[in-house]
Amino acid sequence: MEDKKLTYELIRAAVVGEPQAQEDILNYYDGHINSLAAIEEQKDGQKTRYIDEGLKDQNQSSQVDTTGKRRTV
């Protein structure tokens, strides 16, 4: 996927429920969402880090749910 910019038009389309715009915004923030869903564990002196997909899904759902609830000017 090409790097998309967060333009007014893209955000406006996401707010009104355009699925592709919502997906583009989630893709834009994917790295940040992954960092929020990252779990670090230490076993036998070894650190492991992985993405909790359930937590990632919750973060993404929360973002989509709140997109349409924001006040538009």
Protein backbone atom coordinates (compact mmCIF):
# COMPACT_ATOMS: atom_id res chain seq x y z
CA MET A 1 0.00 0.00 0.00
CA GLU A 2 1.24 3.45 -0.81
CA ASP A 3 1.65 5.86 2.08
CA LYS A 4 -1.53 7.86 2.37
CA LYS A 5 -1.71 11.22 4.02
CA LEU A 6 -4.44 12.19 6.42
CA THR A 7 -6.25 14.73 4.32
CA TYR A 8 -9.42 16.53 5.27
CA GLU A 9 -11.25 14.60 2.56
CA LEU A 10 -10.04 11.24 3.89
CA ILE A 11 -11.01 12.07 7.47
CA ARG A 12 -14.40 13.42 6.37
CA ALA A 13 -15.08 10.25 4.37
CA ALA A 14 -14.21 8.11 7.41
CA VAL A 15 -16.50 10.17 9.65
CA VAL A 16 -19.48 9.61 7.37
CA GLY A 17 -18.79 5.88 7.35
CA GLU A 18 -16.86 5.24 4.12
CA PRO A 19 -15.28 1.81 4.77
CA GLN A 20 -12.23 2.34 2.54
CA ALA A 21 -11.45 5.66 4.25
CA GLN A 22 -11.75 4.03 7.67
CA GLU A 23 -9.42 1.24 6.56
CA ASP A 24 -6.93 3.76 5.16
CA ILE A 25 -6.87 5.61 8.48
CA LEU A 26 -6.39 2.36 10.42
CA ASN A 27 -3.55 1.45 8.06
CA TYR A 28 -1.99 4.88 8.58
CA TYR A 29 -1.96 4.32 12.35
CA ASP A 30 -1.11 0.59 12.19
CA GLY A 31 2.35 1.00 13.71
CA HIS A 32 0.99 3.00 16.62
CA ILE A 33 -1.88 0.56 17.16
CA ASN A 34 0.64 -2.31 17.13
CA SER A 35 2.69 -0.60 19.83
CA LEU A 36 -0.44 -0.24 21.98
CA ALA A 37 -1.22 -3.94 21.51
CA ALA A 38 2.33 -5.19 22.08
CA ILE A 39 2.88 -7.63 24.91
CA GLU A 40 6.32 -8.31 26.38
CA GLU A 41 6.97 -11.47 28.30
CA GLN A 42 10.10 -12.81 29.90
CA LYS A 43 10.65 -16.53 30.25
CA ASP A 44 13.90 -18.26 31.10
CA GLY A 45 15.78 -14.97 30.77
CA GLN A 46 14.51 -14.38 27.23
CA LYS A 47 12.30 -11.43 26.39
CA THR A 48 9.67 -11.99 23.76
CA ARG A 49 7.42 -9.37 22.26
CA TYR A 50 4.32 -10.07 20.25
CA ILE A 51 1.17 -8.33 19.09
CA ASP A 52 -1.98 -9.38 20.93
CA GLU A 53 -4.37 -9.56 17.96
CA GLY A 54 -7.44 -9.41 20.20
CA LEU A 55 -6.18 -6.23 21.81
CA LYS A 56 -5.30 -4.82 18.40
CA ASP A 57 -8.82 -5.56 17.16
CA GLN A 58 -10.26 -3.79 20.22
CA ASN A 59 -8.09 -0.73 19.57
CA GLN A 60 -9.10 -0.63 15.92
CA SER A 61 -12.80 -1.10 16.72
CA SER A 62 -12.61 1.64 19.31
CA GLN A 63 -11.02 3.98 16.79
CA VAL A 64 -13.69 3.28 14.17
CA ASP A 65 -16.50 3.60 16.73
CA THR A 66 -15.31 7.00 17.91
CA THR A 67 -14.60 8.39 14.43
CA GLY A 68 -18.23 9.19 13.77
CA LYS A 69 -18.79 10.60 17.25
CA ARG A 70 -16.32 13.43 16.91
CA ARG A 71 -17.65 16.92 16.54
CA THR A 72 -17.23 18.27 13.02
CA VAL A 73 -16.92 21.94 12.24
